[in-house]
Amino acid sequence: MAMADHVTDDVVTGGHGIEPRTLPTLETPLTHDACAPVCPAHPHLSAVELAVLRDAAEGMTMVESASHRVKSIETVKTQRKSLLLKLGARNMTHAVAIASSSGLIEIAPRPR
C-alpha cells in the first residue's frame, strides 16, 4: 500500500492523519489545478481568480459570474476579496485596471 493510501485509510478510520515524520515520505505532492499559478507577472493568482477577474472586466456582477462559473455567490465574493488583496486594489474596477495595465488580462474594445 502506498503511503498516501495508508494516510487516507488512517483518516477514514478515525486516525489523526499525517504525522510530521511521515511528510517527507509522501510519494507525490498534493496539488489542485484550480489553485495553480497562471501568470508569471502575478504567480500568486489562481486560474479561478483570473477567470473571476475576466468576468469583472466584462462587466459581470457577482451573481452573473457565479452563474457563469457554476459557483455560489459566496465563493465568487471570496475570490474577489482575494483578488483585491493580492493585487493591492481598492475595488474590482481598480483590480481590472491593474490587471489590464500589467498585461494580466486584455480588455477588448466595445463594439459600436
C-alpha atoms as a PDB file:
ATOM      1  CA  MET A   1       0.000   0.000   0.000  1.00  0.00           C
ATOM      2  CA  ALA A   2       1.300   3.420  -0.951  1.00  0.00           C
ATOM      3  CA  MET A   3       1.976   5.931   1.813  1.00  0.00           C
ATOM      4  CA  ALA A   4      -0.779   8.271   0.560  1.00  0.00           C
ATOM      5  CA  ASP A   5      -3.292   5.380   0.645  1.00  0.00           C
ATOM      6  CA  HIS A   6      -2.195   4.492   4.183  1.00  0.00           C
ATOM      7  CA  VAL A   7      -2.702   8.069   5.357  1.00  0.00           C
ATOM      8  CA  THR A   8      -6.133   8.256   3.683  1.00  0.00           C
ATOM      9  CA  ASP A   9      -7.192   4.958   5.287  1.00  0.00           C
ATOM     10  CA  ASP A  10      -5.966   6.223   8.661  1.00  0.00           C
ATOM     11  CA  VAL A  11      -8.100   9.373   8.412  1.00  0.00           C
ATOM     12  CA  VAL A  12     -11.169   7.469   7.172  1.00  0.00           C
ATOM     13  CA  THR A  13     -10.967   5.021  10.081  1.00  0.00           C
ATOM     14  CA  GLY A  14     -10.760   7.789  12.669  1.00  0.00           C
ATOM     15  CA  GLY A  15      -6.997   8.252  12.839  1.00  0.00           C
ATOM     16  CA  HIS A  16      -5.211  11.560  13.231  1.00  0.00           C
ATOM     17  CA  GLY A  17      -3.968  11.912   9.670  1.00  0.00           C
ATOM     18  CA  ILE A  18      -0.410  12.768   8.722  1.00  0.00           C
ATOM     19  CA  GLU A  19       2.239  12.727  11.394  1.00  0.00           C
ATOM     20  CA  PRO A  20       5.095  15.193  10.869  1.00  0.00           C
ATOM     21  CA  ARG A  21       7.648  12.384  10.484  1.00  0.00           C
ATOM     22  CA  THR A  22       5.709  10.933   7.527  1.00  0.00           C
ATOM     23  CA  LEU A  23       5.536  14.132   5.479  1.00  0.00           C
ATOM     24  CA  PRO A  24       8.856  13.601   3.659  1.00  0.00           C
ATOM     25  CA  THR A  25       7.774  10.122   2.581  1.00  0.00           C
ATOM     26  CA  LEU A  26       4.673  11.102   0.642  1.00  0.00           C
ATOM     27  CA  GLU A  27       5.050   9.924  -2.927  1.00  0.00           C
ATOM     28  CA  THR A  28       3.646  12.998  -4.669  1.00  0.00           C
ATOM     29  CA  PRO A  29       2.740  16.467  -3.500  1.00  0.00           C
ATOM     30  CA  LEU A  30      -0.948  17.271  -3.223  1.00  0.00           C
ATOM     31  CA  THR A  31      -1.951  19.828  -5.835  1.00  0.00           C
ATOM     32  CA  HIS A  32      -5.127  21.358  -7.186  1.00  0.00           C
ATOM     33  CA  ASP A  33      -5.089  22.654 -10.759  1.00  0.00           C
ATOM     34  CA  ALA A  34      -7.502  25.482  -9.999  1.00  0.00           C
ATOM     35  CA  CYS A  35      -5.024  26.884  -7.470  1.00  0.00           C
ATOM     36  CA  ALA A  36      -2.006  26.619  -9.741  1.00  0.00           C
ATOM     37  CA  PRO A  37      -0.258  29.873 -10.658  1.00  0.00           C
ATOM     38  CA  VAL A  38      -1.190  31.023 -14.141  1.00  0.00           C
ATOM     39  CA  CYS A  39       0.740  34.222 -14.776  1.00  0.00           C
ATOM     40  CA  PRO A  40       4.450  34.921 -14.298  1.00  0.00           C
ATOM     41  CA  ALA A  41       3.697  38.602 -13.561  1.00  0.00           C
ATOM     42  CA  HIS A  42       1.325  37.607 -10.751  1.00  0.00           C
ATOM     43  CA  PRO A  43       2.226  33.998  -9.868  1.00  0.00           C
ATOM     44  CA  HIS A  44       0.011  34.155  -6.795  1.00  0.00           C
ATOM     45  CA  LEU A  45      -3.239  34.392  -8.809  1.00  0.00           C
ATOM     46  CA  SER A  46      -5.070  31.132  -9.395  1.00  0.00           C
ATOM     47  CA  ALA A  47      -6.839  30.145 -12.618  1.00  0.00           C
ATOM     48  CA  VAL A  48     -10.201  30.561 -10.874  1.00  0.00           C
ATOM     49  CA  GLU A  49      -9.297  34.036  -9.604  1.00  0.00           C
ATOM     50  CA  LEU A  50      -8.164  35.023 -13.082  1.00  0.00           C
ATOM     51  CA  ALA A  51     -11.470  33.787 -14.536  1.00  0.00           C
ATOM     52  CA  VAL A  52     -13.446  35.832 -11.981  1.00  0.00           C
ATOM     53  CA  LEU A  53     -11.262  38.850 -12.810  1.00  0.00           C
ATOM     54  CA  ARG A  54     -12.045  38.412 -16.517  1.00  0.00           C
ATOM     55  CA  ASP A  55     -15.748  38.197 -15.670  1.00  0.00           C
ATOM     56  CA  ALA A  56     -15.469  41.516 -13.822  1.00  0.00           C
ATOM     57  CA  ALA A  57     -13.599  43.025 -16.785  1.00  0.00           C
ATOM     58  CA  GLU A  58     -16.545  42.008 -18.975  1.00  0.00           C
ATOM     59  CA  GLY A  59     -18.880  43.844 -16.611  1.00  0.00           C
ATOM     60  CA  MET A  60     -20.412  40.815 -14.900  1.00  0.00           C
ATOM     61  CA  THR A  61     -21.892  41.204 -11.444  1.00  0.00           C
ATOM     62  CA  MET A  62     -21.077  38.682  -8.714  1.00  0.00           C
ATOM     63  CA  VAL A  63     -24.402  36.944  -9.383  1.00  0.00           C
ATOM     64  CA  GLU A  64     -23.687  36.718 -13.120  1.00  0.00           C
ATOM     65  CA  SER A  65     -20.150  35.479 -12.516  1.00  0.00           C
ATOM     66  CA  ALA A  66     -21.400  32.854 -10.055  1.00  0.00           C
ATOM     67  CA  SER A  67     -23.995  31.646 -12.540  1.00  0.00           C
ATOM     68  CA  HIS A  68     -21.464  31.638 -15.396  1.00  0.00           C
ATOM     69  CA  ARG A  69     -18.873  29.737 -13.326  1.00  0.00           C
ATOM     70  CA  VAL A  70     -21.450  27.461 -11.642  1.00  0.00           C
ATOM     71  CA  LYS A  71     -20.241  28.640  -8.240  1.00  0.00           C
ATOM     72  CA  SER A  72     -22.033  30.075  -5.240  1.00  0.00           C
ATOM     73  CA  ILE A  73     -22.183  33.841  -4.843  1.00  0.00           C
ATOM     74  CA  GLU A  74     -20.210  33.477  -1.603  1.00  0.00           C
ATOM     75  CA  THR A  75     -17.431  31.653  -3.485  1.00  0.00           C
ATOM     76  CA  VAL A  76     -17.201  34.426  -6.076  1.00  0.00           C
ATOM     77  CA  LYS A  77     -17.267  37.037  -3.296  1.00  0.00           C
ATOM     78  CA  THR A  78     -14.359  35.260  -1.577  1.00  0.00           C
ATOM     79  CA  GLN A  79     -12.410  35.055  -4.837  1.00  0.00           C
ATOM     80  CA  ARG A  80     -12.981  38.761  -5.474  1.00  0.00           C
ATOM     81  CA  LYS A  81     -11.773  39.659  -1.969  1.00  0.00           C
ATOM     82  CA  SER A  82      -8.685  37.526  -2.556  1.00  0.00           C
ATOM     83  CA  LEU A  83      -8.038  39.310  -5.864  1.00  0.00           C
ATOM     84  CA  LEU A  84      -8.271  42.713  -4.211  1.00  0.00           C
ATOM     85  CA  LEU A  85      -5.745  41.711  -1.576  1.00  0.00           C
ATOM     86  CA  LYS A  86      -3.351  40.041  -3.996  1.00  0.00           C
ATOM     87  CA  LEU A  87      -3.406  42.909  -6.492  1.00  0.00           C
ATOM     88  CA  GLY A  88      -3.467  45.643  -3.852  1.00  0.00           C
ATOM     89  CA  ALA A  89      -6.650  47.046  -5.370  1.00  0.00           C
ATOM     90  CA  ARG A  90      -9.320  49.184  -3.669  1.00  0.00           C
ATOM     91  CA  ASN A  91     -12.230  47.669  -5.634  1.00  0.00           C
ATOM     92  CA  MET A  92     -12.886  45.462  -8.646  1.00  0.00           C
ATOM     93  CA  THR A  93     -12.651  48.372 -11.091  1.00  0.00           C
ATOM     94  CA  HIS A  94      -9.190  49.100  -9.702  1.00  0.00           C
ATOM     95  CA  ALA A  95      -8.299  45.369  -9.894  1.00  0.00           C
ATOM     96  CA  VAL A  96      -9.305  45.267 -13.578  1.00  0.00           C
ATOM     97  CA  ALA A  97      -7.234  48.412 -14.253  1.00  0.00           C
ATOM     98  CA  ILE A  98      -4.179  46.918 -12.509  1.00  0.00           C
ATOM     99  CA  ALA A  99      -4.585  43.608 -14.352  1.00  0.00           C
ATOM    100  CA  SER A 100      -5.022  45.350 -17.693  1.00  0.00           C
ATOM    101  CA  SER A 101      -2.050  47.674 -17.280  1.00  0.00           C
ATOM    102  CA  SER A 102       0.193  44.803 -16.186  1.00  0.00           C
ATOM    103  CA  GLY A 103      -0.834  42.639 -19.162  1.00  0.00           C
ATOM    104  CA  LEU A 104      -2.569  40.066 -16.993  1.00  0.00           C
ATOM    105  CA  ILE A 105      -5.808  40.472 -18.963  1.00  0.00           C
ATOM    106  CA  GLU A 106      -6.743  42.157 -22.218  1.00  0.00           C
ATOM    107  CA  ILE A 107      -9.833  44.294 -22.452  1.00  0.00           C
ATOM    108  CA  ALA A 108     -11.472  44.165 -25.858  1.00  0.00           C
ATOM    109  CA  PRO A 109     -12.966  47.407 -27.151  1.00  0.00           C
ATOM    110  CA  ARG A 110     -16.759  47.545 -27.078  1.00  0.00           C
ATOM    111  CA  PRO A 111     -18.429  47.262 -30.496  1.00  0.00           C
ATOM    112  CA  ARG A 112     -20.142  50.468 -31.601  1.00  0.00           C
END
